[in-house]
N, C-alpha and C. Protein backbone atom coordinates (compact mmCIF):
# COMPACT_ATOMS: atom_id res chain seq x y z
N MET A 1 104.33 118.25 103.82
CA MET A 1 104.74 119.81 103.87
C MET A 1 103.64 120.99 103.82
N SER A 2 104.06 121.64 104.14
CA SER A 2 102.65 122.33 104.94
C SER A 2 103.06 124.18 104.64
N LYS A 3 101.93 124.73 103.92
CA LYS A 3 102.85 126.15 104.04
C LYS A 3 102.02 127.61 105.09
N THR A 4 102.76 127.88 105.57
CA THR A 4 102.00 129.15 106.17
C THR A 4 102.41 130.62 104.95
N MET A 5 101.09 131.33 104.61
CA MET A 5 100.80 132.05 104.18
C MET A 5 100.81 133.42 105.51
N LYS A 6 101.76 134.64 105.20
CA LYS A 6 101.60 135.65 105.47
C LYS A 6 100.59 136.58 104.89
N VAL A 7 99.26 136.86 105.03
CA VAL A 7 98.61 137.98 104.02
C VAL A 7 98.43 139.12 104.55
N ASP A 8 97.81 140.44 104.40
CA ASP A 8 97.65 141.61 105.09
C ASP A 8 96.17 141.34 105.60
N ASP A 9 95.65 140.53 105.99
CA ASP A 9 94.09 140.30 105.85
C ASP A 9 93.44 139.12 106.34
N ALA A 10 93.97 138.20 107.31
CA ALA A 10 93.88 137.19 107.41
C ALA A 10 92.02 136.30 107.27
N ALA A 11 91.56 137.60 107.79
CA ALA A 11 90.07 136.79 108.37
C ALA A 11 89.48 136.73 106.74
N LYS A 12 90.50 137.81 105.71
CA LYS A 12 89.68 138.68 104.64
C LYS A 12 89.63 137.45 103.51
N ALA A 13 91.16 136.87 103.62
CA ALA A 13 91.54 135.73 102.82
C ALA A 13 90.62 134.24 103.22
N ILE A 14 90.56 133.99 104.85
CA ILE A 14 90.31 132.82 104.88
C ILE A 14 89.04 133.08 103.91
N GLU A 15 88.06 134.32 104.11
CA GLU A 15 86.19 133.90 102.88
C GLU A 15 86.68 134.08 101.27
N PHE A 16 88.29 134.56 101.33
CA PHE A 16 88.37 134.68 100.04
C PHE A 16 88.62 133.07 99.78
N TYR A 17 88.97 132.62 100.32
CA TYR A 17 89.78 131.02 99.90
C TYR A 17 88.68 130.35 100.06
N LYS A 18 88.12 129.67 100.57
CA LYS A 18 86.21 129.49 100.72
C LYS A 18 85.53 129.51 99.65
N THR A 19 85.02 130.59 99.30
CA THR A 19 85.06 131.12 98.17
C THR A 19 85.26 130.44 96.49
N ALA A 20 86.84 131.04 96.63
CA ALA A 20 87.41 130.71 95.69
C ALA A 20 87.32 129.39 95.48
N PHE A 21 88.15 128.20 96.15
CA PHE A 21 88.39 127.35 96.29
C PHE A 21 88.08 126.37 97.23
N SER A 22 87.00 126.43 97.34
CA SER A 22 86.59 126.04 98.47
C SER A 22 86.95 125.39 99.75
N ALA A 23 87.45 125.93 100.54
CA ALA A 23 88.79 126.02 101.43
C ALA A 23 87.57 125.35 102.57
N GLU A 24 88.21 125.03 103.64
CA GLU A 24 87.45 124.23 104.41
C GLU A 24 88.27 125.10 105.83
N GLU A 25 87.65 125.44 106.95
CA GLU A 25 88.15 126.38 107.67
C GLU A 25 88.18 125.66 108.72
N ILE A 26 89.91 125.45 109.24
CA ILE A 26 89.69 124.26 110.54
C ILE A 26 90.17 124.63 111.83
N MET A 27 90.73 126.09 111.57
CA MET A 27 90.55 126.37 113.60
C MET A 27 91.16 128.17 113.04
N ARG A 28 90.84 128.83 114.13
CA ARG A 28 91.69 130.58 113.65
C ARG A 28 92.29 130.65 115.61
N ALA A 29 92.96 131.54 115.32
CA ALA A 29 93.57 132.11 116.40
C ALA A 29 93.80 133.21 116.37
N ASP A 30 93.09 133.81 117.30
CA ASP A 30 92.98 135.81 117.10
C ASP A 30 94.30 136.24 118.42
N GLY A 31 95.08 137.17 117.46
CA GLY A 31 95.74 138.14 118.63
C GLY A 31 95.50 139.03 118.42
N PRO A 32 97.00 140.49 118.79
CA PRO A 32 96.50 141.71 119.06
C PRO A 32 95.82 142.14 118.37
N GLY A 33 94.84 143.35 118.63
CA GLY A 33 94.21 144.42 117.40
C GLY A 33 93.31 143.95 116.70
N GLY A 34 92.63 142.49 116.54
CA GLY A 34 91.68 141.53 115.59
C GLY A 34 92.55 141.09 114.99
N LYS A 35 93.90 140.72 114.87
CA LYS A 35 94.54 140.56 114.10
C LYS A 35 94.27 138.90 113.93
N LEU A 36 94.96 137.94 113.16
CA LEU A 36 94.92 136.83 113.51
C LEU A 36 96.58 136.13 113.39
N MET A 37 96.58 135.30 114.49
CA MET A 37 98.02 135.01 114.67
C MET A 37 98.05 133.57 114.37
N HIS A 38 97.32 133.15 113.93
CA HIS A 38 97.55 131.82 113.26
C HIS A 38 96.22 131.26 112.75
N ALA A 39 95.98 130.45 111.61
CA ALA A 39 94.67 130.02 111.39
C ALA A 39 94.89 128.89 110.04
N GLU A 40 94.17 128.19 110.34
CA GLU A 40 94.67 126.71 109.38
C GLU A 40 93.17 126.43 108.38
N ILE A 41 93.01 126.16 107.26
CA ILE A 41 92.01 125.95 106.08
C ILE A 41 92.77 124.52 105.35
N LYS A 42 92.22 124.33 104.93
CA LYS A 42 92.25 122.79 103.74
C LYS A 42 91.45 122.97 102.54
N ILE A 43 92.13 122.15 101.79
CA ILE A 43 92.03 122.61 100.08
C ILE A 43 91.89 121.76 99.76
N GLY A 44 91.29 120.69 99.15
CA GLY A 44 90.91 119.42 98.88
C GLY A 44 91.38 118.44 100.30
N ASP A 45 92.95 117.66 100.14
CA ASP A 45 93.45 117.14 100.94
C ASP A 45 94.35 117.41 101.87
N SER A 46 94.56 118.95 100.84
CA SER A 46 96.20 120.05 101.43
C SER A 46 95.29 120.81 102.65
N PRO A 47 96.67 120.71 103.66
CA PRO A 47 96.71 121.63 104.36
C PRO A 47 97.42 123.07 104.67
N ILE A 48 96.81 124.40 105.10
CA ILE A 48 97.74 125.43 104.72
C ILE A 48 97.13 126.75 106.06
N MET A 49 98.56 126.45 106.56
CA MET A 49 98.10 127.35 107.46
C MET A 49 98.64 128.87 106.84
N LEU A 50 97.97 129.81 107.86
CA LEU A 50 97.71 131.43 107.05
C LEU A 50 98.09 132.80 108.45
N ALA A 51 98.76 133.43 108.67
CA ALA A 51 98.74 134.61 109.79
C ALA A 51 98.43 136.12 109.09
N ASP A 52 97.87 136.37 109.62
CA ASP A 52 98.33 138.38 109.68
C ASP A 52 99.71 138.28 109.51
N GLU A 53 100.10 139.38 108.54
CA GLU A 53 101.18 140.02 108.50
C GLU A 53 101.89 140.98 109.81
N PHE A 54 102.71 141.13 110.63
CA PHE A 54 102.90 141.90 111.76
C PHE A 54 104.33 142.39 111.23
N PRO A 55 104.14 143.49 110.84
CA PRO A 55 105.63 144.41 110.11
C PRO A 55 106.44 144.89 111.88
N GLU A 56 105.95 144.51 112.67
CA GLU A 56 106.66 145.50 113.71
C GLU A 56 107.14 144.11 114.20
N MET A 57 106.89 142.92 113.71
CA MET A 57 107.79 141.88 114.49
C MET A 57 108.48 140.88 113.11
N GLY A 58 108.77 141.82 112.14
CA GLY A 58 108.93 141.30 110.60
C GLY A 58 108.64 140.23 109.91
N ILE A 59 107.69 140.10 110.23
CA ILE A 59 106.60 139.77 109.73
C ILE A 59 105.68 140.21 108.31
N ARG A 60 105.76 139.96 107.68
CA ARG A 60 105.34 140.76 106.11
C ARG A 60 104.94 139.62 105.20
N SER A 61 103.52 140.72 104.97
CA SER A 61 102.85 139.43 103.63
C SER A 61 103.30 139.40 102.28
N ALA A 62 102.69 138.98 101.51
CA ALA A 62 103.23 138.64 99.90
C ALA A 62 102.96 140.30 99.67
N ASN A 63 101.83 140.81 99.67
CA ASN A 63 101.67 141.72 98.99
C ASN A 63 102.94 143.28 99.32
N SER A 64 103.37 142.51 101.00
CA SER A 64 104.53 143.86 100.95
C SER A 64 105.37 143.94 100.27
N TYR A 65 105.82 142.60 99.73
CA TYR A 65 107.42 142.84 99.40
C TYR A 65 106.76 142.75 97.27
N GLY A 66 105.77 142.99 97.25
CA GLY A 66 105.25 142.94 95.92
C GLY A 66 104.58 141.80 94.98
N GLY A 67 104.53 140.91 95.71
CA GLY A 67 103.96 139.22 94.89
C GLY A 67 105.12 138.50 95.85
N SER A 68 105.00 136.67 95.77
CA SER A 68 105.66 136.22 95.90
C SER A 68 105.89 135.27 95.57
N PRO A 69 107.73 135.00 95.48
CA PRO A 69 108.11 133.97 94.22
C PRO A 69 108.02 132.49 94.41
N THR A 70 107.38 132.41 95.10
CA THR A 70 106.43 131.14 94.81
C THR A 70 105.24 130.46 94.78
N SER A 71 104.80 129.67 94.10
CA SER A 71 103.43 129.11 93.74
C SER A 71 102.81 127.80 94.52
N ILE A 72 101.89 127.54 94.86
CA ILE A 72 101.39 126.58 95.56
C ILE A 72 100.78 125.80 94.27
N VAL A 73 101.10 124.76 94.17
CA VAL A 73 100.66 123.87 93.50
C VAL A 73 99.55 123.31 94.20
N LEU A 74 97.84 123.36 93.53
CA LEU A 74 96.61 122.05 94.39
C LEU A 74 96.23 121.40 93.17
N TYR A 75 96.18 120.00 93.64
CA TYR A 75 96.07 119.05 92.37
C TYR A 75 94.36 119.35 92.60
N LEU A 76 93.27 119.03 91.63
CA LEU A 76 92.19 119.13 92.12
C LEU A 76 91.15 118.17 91.14
N GLU A 77 89.73 117.85 91.71
CA GLU A 77 89.09 116.37 90.68
C GLU A 77 88.61 118.16 89.72
N ASP A 78 87.99 118.93 89.74
CA ASP A 78 87.40 119.92 88.58
C ASP A 78 87.99 121.48 88.42
N VAL A 79 89.17 120.55 87.64
CA VAL A 79 90.09 122.23 87.52
C VAL A 79 89.26 123.38 87.20
N ASN A 80 88.57 122.74 86.20
CA ASN A 80 88.13 123.96 85.04
C ASN A 80 86.98 124.38 86.30
N ALA A 81 86.21 123.79 86.61
CA ALA A 81 85.01 124.89 87.63
C ALA A 81 86.14 125.76 88.53
N ARG A 82 87.07 124.90 89.91
CA ARG A 82 87.43 125.78 90.22
C ARG A 82 88.10 127.00 90.23
N PHE A 83 89.04 126.43 88.56
CA PHE A 83 89.57 127.89 88.09
C PHE A 83 89.06 128.80 88.07
N GLN A 84 87.90 128.96 87.14
CA GLN A 84 86.84 129.22 86.85
C GLN A 84 86.42 130.35 88.52
N GLN A 85 85.95 128.98 89.36
CA GLN A 85 85.51 130.33 90.28
C GLN A 85 86.14 131.32 91.43
N GLY A 86 87.77 130.41 90.78
CA GLY A 86 89.13 131.94 91.86
C GLY A 86 88.61 133.11 90.74
N VAL A 87 89.07 133.01 89.43
CA VAL A 87 89.02 134.44 88.35
C VAL A 87 87.72 135.44 88.91
N ASP A 88 86.27 134.44 89.15
CA ASP A 88 85.06 134.81 89.34
C ASP A 88 85.28 135.70 91.17
N THR A 89 85.65 134.89 91.87
CA THR A 89 86.10 135.42 92.94
C THR A 89 86.66 136.93 93.50
N GLY A 90 88.50 136.99 92.00
CA GLY A 90 88.98 137.95 92.79
C GLY A 90 90.07 137.85 92.17
N ALA A 91 90.14 136.26 91.88
CA ALA A 91 92.08 135.53 91.80
C ALA A 91 92.65 136.42 90.49
N THR A 92 93.62 136.69 89.63
CA THR A 92 94.25 137.22 88.36
C THR A 92 94.89 135.80 87.77
N VAL A 93 94.44 135.95 86.60
CA VAL A 93 94.70 134.70 85.72
C VAL A 93 96.13 135.51 85.52
N LYS A 94 97.58 134.58 85.54
CA LYS A 94 98.69 134.62 85.50
C LYS A 94 99.09 133.61 84.46
N ARG A 95 98.54 132.67 83.93
CA ARG A 95 98.98 131.37 83.01
C ARG A 95 97.33 130.80 82.99
N PRO A 96 96.72 131.24 81.42
CA PRO A 96 95.62 129.86 81.44
C PRO A 96 95.40 129.07 81.60
N LEU A 97 94.41 128.17 81.94
CA LEU A 97 94.34 126.87 82.34
C LEU A 97 94.38 126.20 81.14
N MET A 98 95.08 125.41 80.90
CA MET A 98 95.72 124.43 78.98
C MET A 98 96.31 123.23 79.40
N ASP A 99 95.75 121.88 79.02
CA ASP A 99 96.33 120.64 78.79
C ASP A 99 97.78 120.66 78.61
N GLN A 100 99.21 120.53 79.03
CA GLN A 100 100.12 120.54 79.55
C GLN A 100 100.84 119.22 78.56
N PHE A 101 102.63 119.33 78.49
CA PHE A 101 102.87 118.35 78.10
C PHE A 101 103.07 116.53 78.65
N TYR A 102 103.69 117.33 79.41
CA TYR A 102 103.78 116.31 80.26
C TYR A 102 102.15 115.37 81.28
N GLY A 103 101.38 115.87 80.36
CA GLY A 103 99.67 114.76 81.44
C GLY A 103 98.97 115.48 81.90
N ASP A 104 99.00 116.97 82.71
CA ASP A 104 98.43 117.49 83.26
C ASP A 104 97.48 119.15 83.28
N ARG A 105 96.39 119.35 82.74
CA ARG A 105 95.99 120.71 82.93
C ARG A 105 96.14 121.23 84.33
N SER A 106 96.12 122.04 83.55
CA SER A 106 97.01 123.51 84.77
C SER A 106 96.94 124.82 84.42
N GLY A 107 96.78 126.24 85.14
CA GLY A 107 96.81 127.25 85.26
C GLY A 107 96.92 128.05 86.14
N THR A 108 97.60 129.26 86.00
CA THR A 108 97.78 129.57 87.55
C THR A 108 97.62 130.95 87.54
N VAL A 109 96.58 131.23 88.90
CA VAL A 109 96.03 132.21 89.51
C VAL A 109 96.98 133.25 90.49
N GLU A 110 96.58 134.71 90.53
CA GLU A 110 97.28 135.11 91.58
C GLU A 110 95.67 135.26 92.33
N ASP A 111 96.07 135.09 93.87
CA ASP A 111 94.82 135.74 94.53
C ASP A 111 95.19 137.10 95.07
N PRO A 112 94.24 137.66 95.68
CA PRO A 112 94.01 139.25 95.74
C PRO A 112 95.24 139.82 97.27
N PHE A 113 95.78 138.75 97.68
CA PHE A 113 96.60 138.61 98.87
C PHE A 113 98.70 138.80 98.13
N GLY A 114 98.54 138.26 97.26
CA GLY A 114 99.91 138.41 96.17
C GLY A 114 100.82 136.95 96.02
N HIS A 115 99.03 136.28 96.00
CA HIS A 115 100.22 134.41 96.79
C HIS A 115 99.86 133.95 95.34
N SER A 116 100.54 133.18 94.53
CA SER A 116 100.28 132.89 93.40
C SER A 116 99.76 131.12 93.47
N TRP A 117 99.17 130.84 92.84
CA TRP A 117 98.14 129.87 92.94
C TRP A 117 98.18 128.09 91.16
N THR A 118 98.71 127.40 91.46
CA THR A 118 98.66 126.69 89.94
C THR A 118 97.94 125.66 90.77
N LEU A 119 96.71 125.70 89.66
CA LEU A 119 95.70 124.87 89.59
C LEU A 119 95.49 123.70 88.95
N ALA A 120 95.71 121.99 89.10
CA ALA A 120 95.62 121.53 88.15
C ALA A 120 95.30 119.70 88.54
N THR A 121 94.70 119.30 87.71
CA THR A 121 94.42 118.09 87.78
C THR A 121 95.20 117.02 86.28
N HIS A 122 95.07 115.96 87.03
CA HIS A 122 96.13 115.26 85.80
C HIS A 122 95.36 114.18 85.02
N VAL A 123 95.07 114.73 83.84
CA VAL A 123 94.38 113.92 82.86
C VAL A 123 95.06 112.31 82.18
N GLU A 124 96.75 112.24 82.05
CA GLU A 124 96.90 111.05 81.43
C GLU A 124 98.55 111.01 81.84
N ASP A 125 99.06 109.68 81.82
CA ASP A 125 100.33 109.57 82.20
C ASP A 125 101.39 109.52 81.02
N VAL A 126 101.97 110.09 80.82
CA VAL A 126 102.56 110.36 79.77
C VAL A 126 104.28 109.31 80.10
N SER A 127 104.79 108.49 79.17
CA SER A 127 105.68 107.85 78.84
C SER A 127 106.83 109.10 78.92
N GLU A 128 107.93 109.21 79.45
CA GLU A 128 109.14 109.80 79.05
C GLU A 128 109.66 109.77 77.40
N GLU A 129 109.67 108.94 76.87
CA GLU A 129 109.18 109.10 74.96
C GLU A 129 108.46 109.91 75.48
N GLU A 130 107.70 109.78 75.27
CA GLU A 130 105.98 110.78 74.83
C GLU A 130 106.13 112.88 75.06
N MET A 131 106.35 112.48 76.42
CA MET A 131 107.22 114.12 77.56
C MET A 131 107.90 114.67 76.58
N ASP A 132 108.72 114.19 75.79
CA ASP A 132 109.61 114.47 75.44
C ASP A 132 109.59 115.05 74.20
N ARG A 133 109.15 114.41 73.57
CA ARG A 133 108.81 114.47 71.85
C ARG A 133 106.92 116.08 72.22
N ARG A 134 106.66 115.68 72.89
CA ARG A 134 105.41 116.39 73.00
C ARG A 134 106.56 118.01 72.88
N PHE A 135 107.42 118.01 74.21
CA PHE A 135 107.93 118.92 74.52
C PHE A 135 109.09 119.19 73.10
N LYS A 136 109.63 118.94 72.86
CA LYS A 136 110.05 119.60 71.60
C LYS A 136 108.95 120.29 70.68
N GLU A 137 108.18 119.60 70.51
CA GLU A 137 106.97 119.76 69.61
C GLU A 137 106.18 121.20 70.32
N MET A 138 106.10 121.45 71.49
CA MET A 138 106.09 122.91 72.23
C MET A 138 106.52 124.08 71.19
N MET A 139 108.45 123.66 72.12
CA MET A 139 109.22 124.64 71.66
C MET A 139 109.14 124.92 70.33
N GLN A 140 108.96 124.33 69.65
CA GLN A 140 109.10 124.13 67.82
C GLN A 140 107.93 125.47 67.26
N GLN A 141 106.76 125.31 68.15
CA GLN A 141 105.72 126.41 68.01
C GLN A 141 106.15 126.86 68.48
N GLN A 142 106.72 127.14 69.39
CA GLN A 142 106.43 128.95 70.96
C GLN A 142 108.09 129.49 69.66
N GLY A 143 108.83 128.92 68.57
CA GLY A 143 109.66 129.32 67.94
C GLY A 143 111.32 129.22 68.68
N GLY A 144 111.83 128.30 69.86
CA GLY A 144 112.33 128.12 70.59
C GLY A 144 113.16 126.95 70.98
N GLY A 145 112.73 125.97 69.46
CA GLY A 145 113.46 125.14 69.30
C GLY A 145 114.34 124.42 69.91
N CYS A 146 114.47 123.23 69.89
CA CYS A 146 115.07 121.82 71.01
C CYS A 146 116.36 121.61 70.36
N ASP A 147 117.78 121.27 70.51
CA ASP A 147 118.57 121.04 70.11
C ASP A 147 119.15 119.42 70.84
N SER A 148 118.02 119.33 71.73
CA SER A 148 118.58 118.70 72.85
C SER A 148 118.13 117.59 72.37
N GLU A 149 118.63 116.39 72.87
CA GLU A 149 118.15 114.89 73.14
C GLU A 149 117.45 114.47 74.13
N SER A 150 117.23 115.22 75.17
CA SER A 150 116.11 115.42 76.56
C SER A 150 116.00 116.62 76.50
N THR A 151 114.95 116.40 77.40
CA THR A 151 114.13 117.47 78.23
C THR A 151 115.52 117.64 79.58
N GLU A 152 116.21 117.52 80.15
CA GLU A 152 116.60 117.09 81.52
C GLU A 152 117.95 117.82 81.44
């Protein structure tokens, strides 16, 4: 599956993704008025397509809607450095980078174009029983409690 992101300045977004997430630009297709009709980048092994918004054709960016309801999840080798690189480039931290009960280290940032990115790396394999125990412990620490026998 590939995602196509609509942004309010695709050329600027490509440069941001190159700097923030070490994206590789694959191609661009120019459209009318200097806008990009289609572009492709690659971050790690993940291809991502993007284009400028064209409101007159009903194509709007995440910023036009006040943000995106979805999050792009990228598994990266050096998540600590890449997360900080994104923040240093202008991404806003939405959820700090931390070890998760399910064995990943992840955090979420929002880019200047309204798209949410969860950057992660897999730290350890966790059994279902251990994951359930950790989840319940986390809920207790957060004051949420957990009476269920399972996280399902």
